[in-house]
Amino acid sequence: MKKIRLALAPGLKVQFSDREQALRKVEEWAKESTRLPEVVFGPEGCGKTAWLRQSAVLLKELGYHVVYVDPLRKYFEAYTDVKEVVRRLADAAAEALGEAKVKLASLVIDVTVELIKRRRKKVAVLVDDVFQAVGLNEAASYVKALLGLIEYPPRSGDSIVVVVATGEGITRREIGRHRWADLMPMWNMPRDGFKQLYDQIPGEKPLFEVVWKAAGGNPGLLAWLYKTKWRSDSVVKKLIREKRIKAFISKLGDEERELLRRAVEDPDVLYTREGIPLMERLVDMYLIVDTLPEREPWFWAGESPSERDPELGVGKDVAWQTPLHREAVKRALEGA
């Protein structure tokens, strides 16, 4: 399979690294079709977009007509011989930003129908961060429309693969209320794969072990660290400011604040009756990932985290998105 190159940071392109298990999952879907739309969620910056773009190339090589759309970035890729599909996507992407987001999101369904009608037997549709484009109120309806492509295609074909990537806790809960999709978590990169990415970064840099303990395998945070010349303290301050963690903590009562302090050491304390309301707010702030399933490969889109890893902030059922997210909360608590 041809490995794509992606921009890790301005002026720095790297080759797609690792994610072997996640790509094998795509091969499994390609052999059998997806019974439901596969909605893959995970930490911000964990590499969902890179995986989807590499998956588009993989599916192309497996004989699929592939449409990949990222509405928020007004970006698409279309691997098909149907020029009309490419033209319609290009016209939508050229619209003003707000209009382009919604048009691209809805057009994905239309052009997929067009491909099926034109007797393209193997069709794949990959959609990135679409729920931020269509809005929370439309998220479940959008998934149901994707499900319709699988259950009621305009013409019979050999196979259809439908995959959506999201990081949103609220949206994920909304979709989970229905049985219109298969929700599947993706985690940060495993150690060896993250090392492959780290090795591609030029110039002087901290030892790999230091970077691993800070980013926990998250390529998005690796890019942040590189852009700040490896000043992890700057990244922590940026997280505190952008996620408004100080304001969040100031609104907590004494009991919740104490629970949050305990969660810094062991995130599983949130997976209790008294901790779940706080846990859900932390999920919505993109600080933790909750209700992690068993670590069997069947449950995961790719490699799963360790059963428990206190050093990286990973528990059995709940995990901090990265060690630096945990450090940001810890720092804000100390200053409260």
C-alpha atoms as a PDB file:
ATOM      1  CA  MET A   1       0.000   0.000   0.000  1.00  0.00           C
ATOM      2  CA  LYS A   2       1.245   3.455  -0.897  1.00  0.00           C
ATOM      3  CA  LYS A   3       1.912   5.494   2.269  1.00  0.00           C
ATOM      4  CA  ILE A   4       0.638   9.065   2.130  1.00  0.00           C
ATOM      5  CA  ARG A   5       2.453  12.127   3.442  1.00  0.00           C
ATOM      6  CA  LEU A   6       0.726  14.575   5.745  1.00  0.00           C
ATOM      7  CA  ALA A   7       1.546  17.935   7.282  1.00  0.00           C
ATOM      8  CA  LEU A   8       2.405  17.437  10.965  1.00  0.00           C
ATOM      9  CA  ALA A   9       3.197  21.131  11.390  1.00  0.00           C
ATOM     10  CA  PRO A  10       3.773  24.131   9.092  1.00  0.00           C
ATOM     11  CA  GLY A  11       6.740  23.302   6.893  1.00  0.00           C
ATOM     12  CA  LEU A  12       6.989  19.710   8.142  1.00  0.00           C
ATOM     13  CA  LYS A  13       5.525  16.765   6.253  1.00  0.00           C
ATOM     14  CA  VAL A  14       5.803  13.209   7.539  1.00  0.00           C
ATOM     15  CA  GLN A  15       4.960   9.809   6.161  1.00  0.00           C
ATOM     16  CA  PHE A  16       1.953   8.008   7.585  1.00  0.00           C
ATOM     17  CA  SER A  17       3.214   5.741  10.363  1.00  0.00           C
ATOM     18  CA  ASP A  18       1.972   2.523  11.930  1.00  0.00           C
ATOM     19  CA  ARG A  19      -1.787   2.046  12.624  1.00  0.00           C
ATOM     20  CA  GLU A  20      -1.456  -1.469  11.236  1.00  0.00           C
ATOM     21  CA  GLN A  21      -4.336  -2.859  13.283  1.00  0.00           C
ATOM     22  CA  ALA A  22      -6.581   0.070  12.333  1.00  0.00           C
ATOM     23  CA  LEU A  23      -5.842  -0.487   8.644  1.00  0.00           C
ATOM     24  CA  ARG A  24      -6.522  -4.208   9.036  1.00  0.00           C
ATOM     25  CA  LYS A  25      -9.904  -3.239  10.456  1.00  0.00           C
ATOM     26  CA  VAL A  26     -10.604  -1.319   7.238  1.00  0.00           C
ATOM     27  CA  GLU A  27      -9.609  -4.391   5.215  1.00  0.00           C
ATOM     28  CA  GLU A  28     -12.092  -6.453   7.249  1.00  0.00           C
ATOM     29  CA  TRP A  29     -14.869  -3.963   6.489  1.00  0.00           C
ATOM     30  CA  ALA A  30     -13.890  -3.984   2.822  1.00  0.00           C
ATOM     31  CA  LYS A  31     -14.299  -7.764   2.629  1.00  0.00           C
ATOM     32  CA  GLU A  32     -17.717  -7.881   4.288  1.00  0.00           C
ATOM     33  CA  SER A  33     -19.158  -4.344   3.966  1.00  0.00           C
ATOM     34  CA  THR A  34     -20.113  -2.384   7.071  1.00  0.00           C
ATOM     35  CA  ARG A  35     -23.379  -3.625   8.563  1.00  0.00           C
ATOM     36  CA  LEU A  36     -23.905  -0.186  10.116  1.00  0.00           C
ATOM     37  CA  PRO A  37     -22.010   3.098   9.693  1.00  0.00           C
ATOM     38  CA  GLU A  38     -18.809   2.802  11.727  1.00  0.00           C
ATOM     39  CA  VAL A  39     -18.513   5.884  13.952  1.00  0.00           C
ATOM     40  CA  VAL A  40     -14.941   6.036  15.248  1.00  0.00           C
ATOM     41  CA  PHE A  41     -14.220   8.337  18.183  1.00  0.00           C
ATOM     42  CA  GLY A  42     -11.130   9.090  20.199  1.00  0.00           C
ATOM     43  CA  PRO A  43      -8.912  11.759  21.759  1.00  0.00           C
ATOM     44  CA  GLU A  44      -8.364  15.010  19.884  1.00  0.00           C
ATOM     45  CA  GLY A  45      -5.237  14.715  17.776  1.00  0.00           C
ATOM     46  CA  CYS A  46      -4.987  10.927  18.086  1.00  0.00           C
ATOM     47  CA  GLY A  47      -4.662  10.529  14.321  1.00  0.00           C
ATOM     48  CA  LYS A  48      -8.211   9.809  13.135  1.00  0.00           C
ATOM     49  CA  THR A  49      -7.865  12.124  10.136  1.00  0.00           C
ATOM     50  CA  ALA A  50      -4.527  10.635   9.051  1.00  0.00           C
ATOM     51  CA  TRP A  51      -5.995   7.143   9.384  1.00  0.00           C
ATOM     52  CA  LEU A  52      -9.067   8.044   7.311  1.00  0.00           C
ATOM     53  CA  ARG A  53      -6.953   9.554   4.535  1.00  0.00           C
ATOM     54  CA  GLN A  54      -4.667   6.519   4.458  1.00  0.00           C
ATOM     55  CA  SER A  55      -7.747   4.290   4.515  1.00  0.00           C
ATOM     56  CA  ALA A  56      -9.061   6.079   1.428  1.00  0.00           C
ATOM     57  CA  VAL A  57      -5.893   5.060  -0.436  1.00  0.00           C
ATOM     58  CA  LEU A  58      -6.137   1.502   0.901  1.00  0.00           C
ATOM     59  CA  LEU A  59      -9.757   1.147  -0.212  1.00  0.00           C
ATOM     60  CA  LYS A  60      -8.870   2.548  -3.637  1.00  0.00           C
ATOM     61  CA  GLU A  61      -6.198  -0.142  -3.992  1.00  0.00           C
ATOM     62  CA  LEU A  62      -8.808  -2.737  -2.965  1.00  0.00           C
ATOM     63  CA  GLY A  63     -10.934  -1.739  -5.937  1.00  0.00           C
ATOM     64  CA  TYR A  64     -13.343   0.682  -4.267  1.00  0.00           C
ATOM     65  CA  HIS A  65     -14.697   3.960  -5.570  1.00  0.00           C
ATOM     66  CA  VAL A  66     -13.887   6.184  -2.588  1.00  0.00           C
ATOM     67  CA  VAL A  67     -15.234   9.533  -1.423  1.00  0.00           C
ATOM     68  CA  TYR A  68     -13.474  11.153   1.546  1.00  0.00           C
ATOM     69  CA  VAL A  69     -14.789  14.472   2.860  1.00  0.00           C
ATOM     70  CA  ASP A  70     -13.614  16.727   5.684  1.00  0.00           C
ATOM     71  CA  PRO A  71     -16.279  19.482   5.760  1.00  0.00           C
ATOM     72  CA  LEU A  72     -14.605  21.636   8.419  1.00  0.00           C
ATOM     73  CA  ARG A  73     -11.442  21.977   6.338  1.00  0.00           C
ATOM     74  CA  LYS A  74     -13.320  22.211   3.008  1.00  0.00           C
ATOM     75  CA  TYR A  75     -11.287  19.239   1.841  1.00  0.00           C
ATOM     76  CA  PHE A  76     -12.181  16.165  -0.158  1.00  0.00           C
ATOM     77  CA  GLU A  77     -10.623  13.295  -2.051  1.00  0.00           C
ATOM     78  CA  ALA A  78     -12.486  11.296  -4.691  1.00  0.00           C
ATOM     79  CA  TYR A  79     -10.989   8.125  -6.117  1.00  0.00           C
ATOM     80  CA  THR A  80     -13.443   7.346  -8.891  1.00  0.00           C
ATOM     81  CA  ASP A  81     -13.771   7.470 -12.656  1.00  0.00           C
ATOM     82  CA  VAL A  82     -17.092   9.311 -12.404  1.00  0.00           C
ATOM     83  CA  LYS A  83     -16.026  12.868 -13.207  1.00  0.00           C
ATOM     84  CA  GLU A  84     -19.402  14.308 -12.306  1.00  0.00           C
ATOM     85  CA  VAL A  85     -18.885  13.254  -8.685  1.00  0.00           C
ATOM     86  CA  VAL A  86     -15.504  14.985  -8.538  1.00  0.00           C
ATOM     87  CA  ARG A  87     -16.912  18.147 -10.124  1.00  0.00           C
ATOM     88  CA  ARG A  88     -19.812  18.394  -7.682  1.00  0.00           C
ATOM     89  CA  LEU A  89     -17.527  17.980  -4.675  1.00  0.00           C
ATOM     90  CA  ALA A  90     -15.100  20.590  -6.028  1.00  0.00           C
ATOM     91  CA  ASP A  91     -17.923  23.081  -6.602  1.00  0.00           C
ATOM     92  CA  ALA A  92     -19.193  22.592  -3.045  1.00  0.00           C
ATOM     93  CA  ALA A  93     -15.709  22.982  -1.547  1.00  0.00           C
ATOM     94  CA  ALA A  94     -15.316  26.290  -3.392  1.00  0.00           C
ATOM     95  CA  GLU A  95     -18.319  27.815  -1.637  1.00  0.00           C
ATOM     96  CA  ALA A  96     -17.984  30.280   1.246  1.00  0.00           C
ATOM     97  CA  LEU A  97     -16.781  28.534   4.386  1.00  0.00           C
ATOM     98  CA  GLY A  98     -20.082  28.211   6.222  1.00  0.00           C
ATOM     99  CA  GLU A  99     -21.970  27.083   3.131  1.00  0.00           C
ATOM    100  CA  ALA A 100     -19.205  24.695   2.076  1.00  0.00           C
ATOM    101  CA  LYS A 101     -19.295  22.812   5.372  1.00  0.00           C
ATOM    102  CA  VAL A 102     -22.973  21.973   5.149  1.00  0.00           C
ATOM    103  CA  LYS A 103     -22.937  21.404   1.378  1.00  0.00           C
ATOM    104  CA  LEU A 104     -20.024  18.986   1.517  1.00  0.00           C
ATOM    105  CA  ALA A 105     -21.586  17.078   4.407  1.00  0.00           C
ATOM    106  CA  SER A 106     -24.897  16.601   2.604  1.00  0.00           C
ATOM    107  CA  LEU A 107     -23.319  16.073  -0.809  1.00  0.00           C
ATOM    108  CA  VAL A 108     -21.465  12.992   0.456  1.00  0.00           C
ATOM    109  CA  ILE A 109     -24.756  11.108   0.549  1.00  0.00           C
ATOM    110  CA  ASP A 110     -25.883  12.382  -2.855  1.00  0.00           C
ATOM    111  CA  VAL A 111     -22.683  11.456  -4.689  1.00  0.00           C
ATOM    112  CA  THR A 112     -22.581   8.040  -3.019  1.00  0.00           C
ATOM    113  CA  VAL A 113     -26.077   7.386  -4.336  1.00  0.00           C
ATOM    114  CA  GLU A 114     -24.866   8.528  -7.757  1.00  0.00           C
ATOM    115  CA  LEU A 115     -21.965   6.064  -7.686  1.00  0.00           C
ATOM    116  CA  ILE A 116     -24.260   3.190  -6.743  1.00  0.00           C
ATOM    117  CA  LYS A 117     -26.755   4.113  -9.463  1.00  0.00           C
ATOM    118  CA  ARG A 118     -23.948   4.038 -12.015  1.00  0.00           C
ATOM    119  CA  ARG A 119     -23.280   0.407 -11.135  1.00  0.00           C
ATOM    120  CA  ARG A 120     -20.077   1.007  -9.191  1.00  0.00           C
ATOM    121  CA  LYS A 121     -20.167  -2.253  -7.266  1.00  0.00           C
ATOM    122  CA  LYS A 122     -17.762  -1.335  -4.455  1.00  0.00           C
ATOM    123  CA  VAL A 123     -18.248   2.085  -2.871  1.00  0.00           C
ATOM    124  CA  ALA A 124     -16.698   3.619   0.261  1.00  0.00           C
ATOM    125  CA  VAL A 125     -17.655   6.867   1.965  1.00  0.00           C
ATOM    126  CA  LEU A 126     -15.368   8.307   4.662  1.00  0.00           C
ATOM    127  CA  VAL A 127     -16.458  11.433   6.532  1.00  0.00           C
ATOM    128  CA  ASP A 128     -14.313  13.380   8.984  1.00  0.00           C
ATOM    129  CA  ASP A 129     -15.626  15.646  11.781  1.00  0.00           C
ATOM    130  CA  VAL A 130     -18.975  15.944  10.039  1.00  0.00           C
ATOM    131  CA  PHE A 131     -21.031  16.415  13.203  1.00  0.00           C
ATOM    132  CA  GLN A 132     -19.395  19.763  13.881  1.00  0.00           C
ATOM    133  CA  ALA A 133     -20.529  20.821  10.411  1.00  0.00           C
ATOM    134  CA  VAL A 134     -24.159  19.660  10.588  1.00  0.00           C
ATOM    135  CA  GLY A 135     -24.673  20.400  14.295  1.00  0.00           C
ATOM    136  CA  LEU A 136     -25.690  18.303  17.276  1.00  0.00           C
ATOM    137  CA  ASN A 137     -29.392  18.381  16.458  1.00  0.00           C
ATOM    138  CA  GLU A 138     -28.764  16.817  13.056  1.00  0.00           C
ATOM    139  CA  ALA A 139     -26.080  14.295  14.073  1.00  0.00           C
ATOM    140  CA  ALA A 140     -28.388  11.328  14.588  1.00  0.00           C
ATOM    141  CA  SER A 141     -30.371  12.112  11.438  1.00  0.00           C
ATOM    142  CA  TYR A 142     -27.156  12.286   9.430  1.00  0.00           C
ATOM    143  CA  VAL A 143     -26.088   8.861  10.684  1.00  0.00           C
ATOM    144  CA  LYS A 144     -29.534   7.481   9.833  1.00  0.00           C
ATOM    145  CA  ALA A 145     -29.149   8.836   6.288  1.00  0.00           C
ATOM    146  CA  LEU A 146     -25.784   7.052   6.002  1.00  0.00           C
ATOM    147  CA  LEU A 147     -27.410   3.883   7.290  1.00  0.00           C
ATOM    148  CA  GLY A 148     -29.957   4.231   4.497  1.00  0.00           C
ATOM    149  CA  LEU A 149     -27.130   3.917   1.963  1.00  0.00           C
ATOM    150  CA  ILE A 150     -26.362   0.490   3.411  1.00  0.00           C
ATOM    151  CA  GLU A 151     -29.878  -0.783   4.047  1.00  0.00           C
ATOM    152  CA  TYR A 152     -31.686   0.729   1.058  1.00  0.00           C
ATOM    153  CA  PRO A 153     -29.199   1.376  -1.755  1.00  0.00           C
ATOM    154  CA  PRO A 154     -30.706   2.626  -5.039  1.00  0.00           C
ATOM    155  CA  ARG A 155     -29.221  -0.405  -6.803  1.00  0.00           C
ATOM    156  CA  SER A 156     -27.702  -3.649  -5.567  1.00  0.00           C
ATOM    157  CA  GLY A 157     -23.919  -3.811  -5.420  1.00  0.00           C
ATOM    158  CA  ASP A 158     -21.130  -5.931  -4.071  1.00  0.00           C
ATOM    159  CA  SER A 159     -20.032  -3.895  -1.087  1.00  0.00           C
ATOM    160  CA  ILE A 160     -20.354  -0.531   0.686  1.00  0.00           C
ATOM    161  CA  VAL A 161     -18.137   0.789   3.459  1.00  0.00           C
ATOM    162  CA  VAL A 162     -19.263   3.777   5.570  1.00  0.00           C
ATOM    163  CA  VAL A 163     -16.946   5.278   8.207  1.00  0.00           C
ATOM    164  CA  VAL A 164     -17.331   8.502  10.209  1.00  0.00           C
ATOM    165  CA  ALA A 165     -14.717   9.936  12.588  1.00  0.00           C
ATOM    166  CA  THR A 166     -15.568  12.186  15.524  1.00  0.00           C
ATOM    167  CA  GLY A 167     -14.111  13.306  18.820  1.00  0.00           C
ATOM    168  CA  GLU A 168     -17.249  14.752  20.342  1.00  0.00           C
ATOM    169  CA  GLY A 169     -18.575  13.311  23.576  1.00  0.00           C
ATOM    170  CA  ILE A 170     -21.984  14.990  23.333  1.00  0.00           C
ATOM    171  CA  THR A 171     -22.528  13.836  19.759  1.00  0.00           C
ATOM    172  CA  ARG A 172     -21.355  10.333  20.560  1.00  0.00           C
ATOM    173  CA  ARG A 173     -23.912  10.067  23.355  1.00  0.00           C
ATOM    174  CA  GLU A 174     -26.646  11.380  21.056  1.00  0.00           C
ATOM    175  CA  ILE A 175     -25.817   8.802  18.377  1.00  0.00           C
ATOM    176  CA  GLY A 176     -25.527   6.047  20.979  1.00  0.00           C
ATOM    177  CA  ARG A 177     -29.185   6.549  21.959  1.00  0.00           C
ATOM    178  CA  HIS A 178     -30.168   4.935  18.655  1.00  0.00           C
ATOM    179  CA  ARG A 179     -29.092   1.720  16.947  1.00  0.00           C
ATOM    180  CA  TRP A 180     -28.123   3.370  13.690  1.00  0.00           C
ATOM    181  CA  ALA A 181     -24.333   3.074  13.994  1.00  0.00           C
ATOM    182  CA  ASP A 182     -21.548   1.011  15.470  1.00  0.00           C
ATOM    183  CA  LEU A 183     -19.542   3.154  17.893  1.00  0.00           C
ATOM    184  CA  MET A 184     -15.890   2.163  18.004  1.00  0.00           C
ATOM    185  CA  PRO A 185     -13.064   3.871  19.943  1.00  0.00           C
ATOM    186  CA  MET A 186      -9.616   4.694  18.617  1.00  0.00           C
ATOM    187  CA  TRP A 187      -6.731   5.407  20.955  1.00  0.00           C
ATOM    188  CA  ASN A 188      -3.488   7.339  20.657  1.00  0.00           C
ATOM    189  CA  MET A 189      -0.655   5.691  18.744  1.00  0.00           C
ATOM    190  CA  PRO A 190       1.161   2.739  20.330  1.00  0.00           C
ATOM    191  CA  ARG A 191       4.709   3.294  21.493  1.00  0.00           C
ATOM    192  CA  ASP A 192       6.510   1.800  18.469  1.00  0.00           C
ATOM    193  CA  GLY A 193       4.348   3.629  15.946  1.00  0.00           C
ATOM    194  CA  PHE A 194       4.752   6.917  17.810  1.00  0.00           C
ATOM    195  CA  LYS A 195       8.517   6.385  17.744  1.00  0.00           C
ATOM    196  CA  GLN A 196       8.359   6.097  13.940  1.00  0.00           C
ATOM    197  CA  LEU A 197       6.656   9.492  13.834  1.00  0.00           C
ATOM    198  CA  TYR A 198       9.066  11.045  16.354  1.00  0.00           C
ATOM    199  CA  ASP A 199      12.059   9.828  14.320  1.00  0.00           C
ATOM    200  CA  GLN A 200      10.856  11.784  11.271  1.00  0.00           C
ATOM    201  CA  ILE A 201      11.085  15.118  13.099  1.00  0.00           C
ATOM    202  CA  PRO A 202      14.353  16.894  12.260  1.00  0.00           C
ATOM    203  CA  GLY A 203      16.668  18.870  14.515  1.00  0.00           C
ATOM    204  CA  GLU A 204      17.438  18.692  18.194  1.00  0.00           C
ATOM    205  CA  LYS A 205      14.666  17.295  20.356  1.00  0.00           C
ATOM    206  CA  PRO A 206      14.150  15.775  23.789  1.00  0.00           C
ATOM    207  CA  LEU A 207      14.732  12.077  24.320  1.00  0.00           C
ATOM    208  CA  PHE A 208      11.883   9.944  23.027  1.00  0.00           C
ATOM    209  CA  GLU A 209      10.976   8.773  26.537  1.00  0.00           C
ATOM    210  CA  VAL A 210      10.377  12.375  27.611  1.00  0.00           C
ATOM    211  CA  VAL A 211       8.128  13.081  24.625  1.00  0.00           C
ATOM    212  CA  TRP A 212       6.256   9.795  25.094  1.00  0.00           C
ATOM    213  CA  LYS A 213       5.485  10.575  28.742  1.00  0.00           C
ATOM    214  CA  ALA A 214       4.214  14.031  27.774  1.00  0.00           C
ATOM    215  CA  ALA A 215       2.120  13.220  24.685  1.00  0.00           C
ATOM    216  CA  GLY A 216       1.208   9.612  25.428  1.00  0.00           C
ATOM    217  CA  GLY A 217       1.300   8.714  21.734  1.00  0.00           C
ATOM    218  CA  ASN A 218      -0.881  11.616  20.563  1.00  0.00           C
ATOM    219  CA  PRO A 219       0.452  12.974  17.236  1.00  0.00           C
ATOM    220  CA  GLY A 220      -1.496  16.222  17.624  1.00  0.00           C
ATOM    221  CA  LEU A 221       0.328  17.007  20.858  1.00  0.00           C
ATOM    222  CA  LEU A 222       3.602  15.937  19.245  1.00  0.00           C
ATOM    223  CA  ALA A 223       2.983  18.673  16.662  1.00  0.00           C
ATOM    224  CA  TRP A 224       2.227  21.192  19.430  1.00  0.00           C
ATOM    225  CA  LEU A 225       5.440  20.322  21.238  1.00  0.00           C
ATOM    226  CA  TYR A 226       7.438  20.660  18.023  1.00  0.00           C
ATOM    227  CA  LYS A 227       5.881  24.064  17.216  1.00  0.00           C
ATOM    228  CA  THR A 228       6.653  25.358  20.739  1.00  0.00           C
ATOM    229  CA  LYS A 229      10.272  24.144  20.473  1.00  0.00           C
ATOM    230  CA  TRP A 230       9.501  21.324  22.918  1.00  0.00           C
ATOM    231  CA  ARG A 231       8.327  23.583  25.755  1.00  0.00           C
ATOM    232  CA  SER A 232       5.757  21.347  27.427  1.00  0.00           C
ATOM    233  CA  ASP A 233       4.988  24.094  29.953  1.00  0.00           C
ATOM    234  CA  SER A 234       3.729  26.281  27.095  1.00  0.00           C
ATOM    235  CA  VAL A 235       1.468  23.482  25.872  1.00  0.00           C
ATOM    236  CA  VAL A 236       0.024  23.004  29.377  1.00  0.00           C
ATOM    237  CA  LYS A 237      -0.708  26.730  29.684  1.00  0.00           C
ATOM    238  CA  LYS A 238      -2.326  26.693  26.241  1.00  0.00           C
ATOM    239  CA  LEU A 239      -4.573  23.796  27.242  1.00  0.00           C
ATOM    240  CA  ILE A 240      -5.590  25.548  30.462  1.00  0.00           C
ATOM    241  CA  ARG A 241      -6.451  28.715  28.542  1.00  0.00           C
ATOM    242  CA  GLU A 242      -8.154  27.215  25.478  1.00  0.00           C
ATOM    243  CA  LYS A 243     -10.269  24.742  27.437  1.00  0.00           C
ATOM    244  CA  ARG A 244     -11.042  27.316  30.149  1.00  0.00           C
ATOM    245  CA  ILE A 245     -10.068  24.847  32.847  1.00  0.00           C
ATOM    246  CA  LYS A 246      -9.639  27.492  35.573  1.00  0.00           C
ATOM    247  CA  ALA A 247     -13.167  28.807  35.002  1.00  0.00           C
ATOM    248  CA  PHE A 248     -14.496  25.251  35.034  1.00  0.00           C
ATOM    249  CA  ILE A 249     -12.797  24.452  38.348  1.00  0.00           C
ATOM    250  CA  SER A 250     -14.011  27.704  39.924  1.00  0.00           C
ATOM    251  CA  LYS A 251     -17.597  26.550  39.399  1.00  0.00           C
ATOM    252  CA  LEU A 252     -17.089  23.220  41.163  1.00  0.00           C
ATOM    253  CA  GLY A 253     -18.187  22.605  44.718  1.00  0.00           C
ATOM    254  CA  ASP A 254     -15.776  21.285  47.346  1.00  0.00           C
ATOM    255  CA  GLU A 255     -16.794  17.647  46.843  1.00  0.00           C
ATOM    256  CA  GLU A 256     -16.446  17.797  43.055  1.00  0.00           C
ATOM    257  CA  ARG A 257     -13.112  19.547  43.342  1.00  0.00           C
ATOM    258  CA  GLU A 258     -11.823  16.839  45.651  1.00  0.00           C
ATOM    259  CA  LEU A 259     -13.126  14.179  43.267  1.00  0.00           C
ATOM    260  CA  LEU A 260     -11.260  15.875  40.413  1.00  0.00           C
ATOM    261  CA  ARG A 261      -8.045  15.851  42.474  1.00  0.00           C
ATOM    262  CA  ARG A 262      -8.439  12.109  42.983  1.00  0.00           C
ATOM    263  CA  ALA A 263      -9.154  11.635  39.275  1.00  0.00           C
ATOM    264  CA  VAL A 264      -5.802  13.212  38.432  1.00  0.00           C
ATOM    265  CA  GLU A 265      -4.202  10.210  40.114  1.00  0.00           C
ATOM    266  CA  ASP A 266      -6.790   7.616  39.082  1.00  0.00           C
ATOM    267  CA  PRO A 267      -9.372   8.539  36.403  1.00  0.00           C
ATOM    268  CA  ASP A 268     -11.463   5.471  37.245  1.00  0.00           C
ATOM    269  CA  VAL A 269     -12.774   7.226  40.377  1.00  0.00           C
ATOM    270  CA  LEU A 270     -15.042   9.107  37.956  1.00  0.00           C
ATOM    271  CA  TYR A 271     -16.730   5.873  36.913  1.00  0.00           C
ATOM    272  CA  THR A 272     -18.989   5.894  39.950  1.00  0.00           C
ATOM    273  CA  ARG A 273     -22.491   7.136  40.680  1.00  0.00           C
ATOM    274  CA  GLU A 274     -21.210  10.345  42.232  1.00  0.00           C
ATOM    275  CA  GLY A 275     -18.479  10.806  39.623  1.00  0.00           C
ATOM    276  CA  ILE A 276     -20.398  10.329  36.364  1.00  0.00           C
ATOM    277  CA  PRO A 277     -21.866  13.882  36.159  1.00  0.00           C
ATOM    278  CA  LEU A 278     -18.346  15.331  36.493  1.00  0.00           C
ATOM    279  CA  MET A 279     -16.990  12.723  34.074  1.00  0.00           C
ATOM    280  CA  GLU A 280     -19.488  13.713  31.385  1.00  0.00           C
ATOM    281  CA  ARG A 281     -18.482  17.366  31.651  1.00  0.00           C
ATOM    282  CA  LEU A 282     -14.818  16.439  31.311  1.00  0.00           C
ATOM    283  CA  VAL A 283     -15.660  14.355  28.223  1.00  0.00           C
ATOM    284  CA  ASP A 284     -17.452  17.316  26.669  1.00  0.00           C
ATOM    285  CA  MET A 285     -14.357  19.457  27.314  1.00  0.00           C
ATOM    286  CA  TYR A 286     -12.194  16.909  25.464  1.00  0.00           C
ATOM    287  CA  LEU A 287     -10.150  16.221  28.594  1.00  0.00           C
ATOM    288  CA  ILE A 288     -10.953  12.540  29.132  1.00  0.00           C
ATOM    289  CA  VAL A 289     -12.368   9.574  27.245  1.00  0.00           C
ATOM    290  CA  ASP A 290     -14.938   7.581  29.162  1.00  0.00           C
ATOM    291  CA  THR A 291     -16.379   4.065  29.241  1.00  0.00           C
ATOM    292  CA  LEU A 292     -13.400   2.401  27.584  1.00  0.00           C
ATOM    293  CA  PRO A 293     -14.344  -1.109  26.473  1.00  0.00           C
ATOM    294  CA  GLU A 294     -12.392  -4.279  27.079  1.00  0.00           C
ATOM    295  CA  ARG A 295      -8.975  -4.336  25.453  1.00  0.00           C
ATOM    296  CA  GLU A 296      -9.845  -7.100  22.998  1.00  0.00           C
ATOM    297  CA  PRO A 297      -9.100  -6.073  19.373  1.00  0.00           C
ATOM    298  CA  TRP A 298     -12.703  -6.750  18.353  1.00  0.00           C
ATOM    299  CA  PHE A 299     -13.893  -3.651  20.275  1.00  0.00           C
ATOM    300  CA  TRP A 300     -11.311  -1.194  18.919  1.00  0.00           C
ATOM    301  CA  ALA A 301     -10.515   0.608  15.680  1.00  0.00           C
ATOM    302  CA  GLY A 302      -6.822  -0.107  15.990  1.00  0.00           C
ATOM    303  CA  GLU A 303      -4.538  -0.629  18.956  1.00  0.00           C
ATOM    304  CA  SER A 304      -6.081  -0.318  22.406  1.00  0.00           C
ATOM    305  CA  PRO A 305      -4.425   1.336  25.416  1.00  0.00           C
ATOM    306  CA  SER A 306      -2.979  -0.676  28.279  1.00  0.00           C
ATOM    307  CA  GLU A 307      -5.448  -2.076  30.787  1.00  0.00           C
ATOM    308  CA  ARG A 308      -4.053   0.447  33.254  1.00  0.00           C
ATOM    309  CA  ASP A 309      -1.157   2.875  32.890  1.00  0.00           C
ATOM    310  CA  PRO A 310      -0.989   5.349  35.800  1.00  0.00           C
ATOM    311  CA  GLU A 311       2.022   7.085  34.249  1.00  0.00           C
ATOM    312  CA  LEU A 312      -0.006   8.045  31.168  1.00  0.00           C
ATOM    313  CA  GLY A 313      -3.279   8.585  33.041  1.00  0.00           C
ATOM    314  CA  VAL A 314      -5.035   5.504  31.642  1.00  0.00           C
ATOM    315  CA  GLY A 315      -7.496   3.582  33.800  1.00  0.00           C
ATOM    316  CA  LYS A 316      -9.607   0.534  33.131  1.00  0.00           C
ATOM    317  CA  ASP A 317     -12.786   2.446  32.201  1.00  0.00           C
ATOM    318  CA  VAL A 318     -11.684   6.086  31.954  1.00  0.00           C
ATOM    319  CA  ALA A 319      -8.527   7.761  30.654  1.00  0.00           C
ATOM    320  CA  TRP A 320      -7.129  11.257  30.330  1.00  0.00           C
ATOM    321  CA  GLN A 321      -6.779  12.132  26.656  1.00  0.00           C
ATOM    322  CA  THR A 322      -3.033  12.616  27.164  1.00  0.00           C
ATOM    323  CA  PRO A 323      -0.658  13.089  30.117  1.00  0.00           C
ATOM    324  CA  LEU A 324      -0.484  16.819  29.315  1.00  0.00           C
ATOM    325  CA  HIS A 325      -4.269  17.130  29.548  1.00  0.00           C
ATOM    326  CA  ARG A 326      -4.046  15.607  33.010  1.00  0.00           C
ATOM    327  CA  GLU A 327      -1.161  17.939  33.888  1.00  0.00           C
ATOM    328  CA  ALA A 328      -3.205  20.947  32.781  1.00  0.00           C
ATOM    329  CA  VAL A 329      -6.028  20.008  35.169  1.00  0.00           C
ATOM    330  CA  LYS A 330      -3.556  19.291  37.957  1.00  0.00           C
ATOM    331  CA  ARG A 331      -1.859  22.675  37.452  1.00  0.00           C
ATOM    332  CA  ALA A 332      -5.191  24.508  37.427  1.00  0.00           C
ATOM    333  CA  LEU A 333      -6.279  22.749  40.615  1.00  0.00           C
ATOM    334  CA  GLU A 334      -3.085  23.741  42.371  1.00  0.00           C
ATOM    335  CA  GLY A 335      -3.645  27.369  41.453  1.00  0.00           C
ATOM    336  CA  ALA A 336      -7.340  27.397  42.398  1.00  0.00           C
END
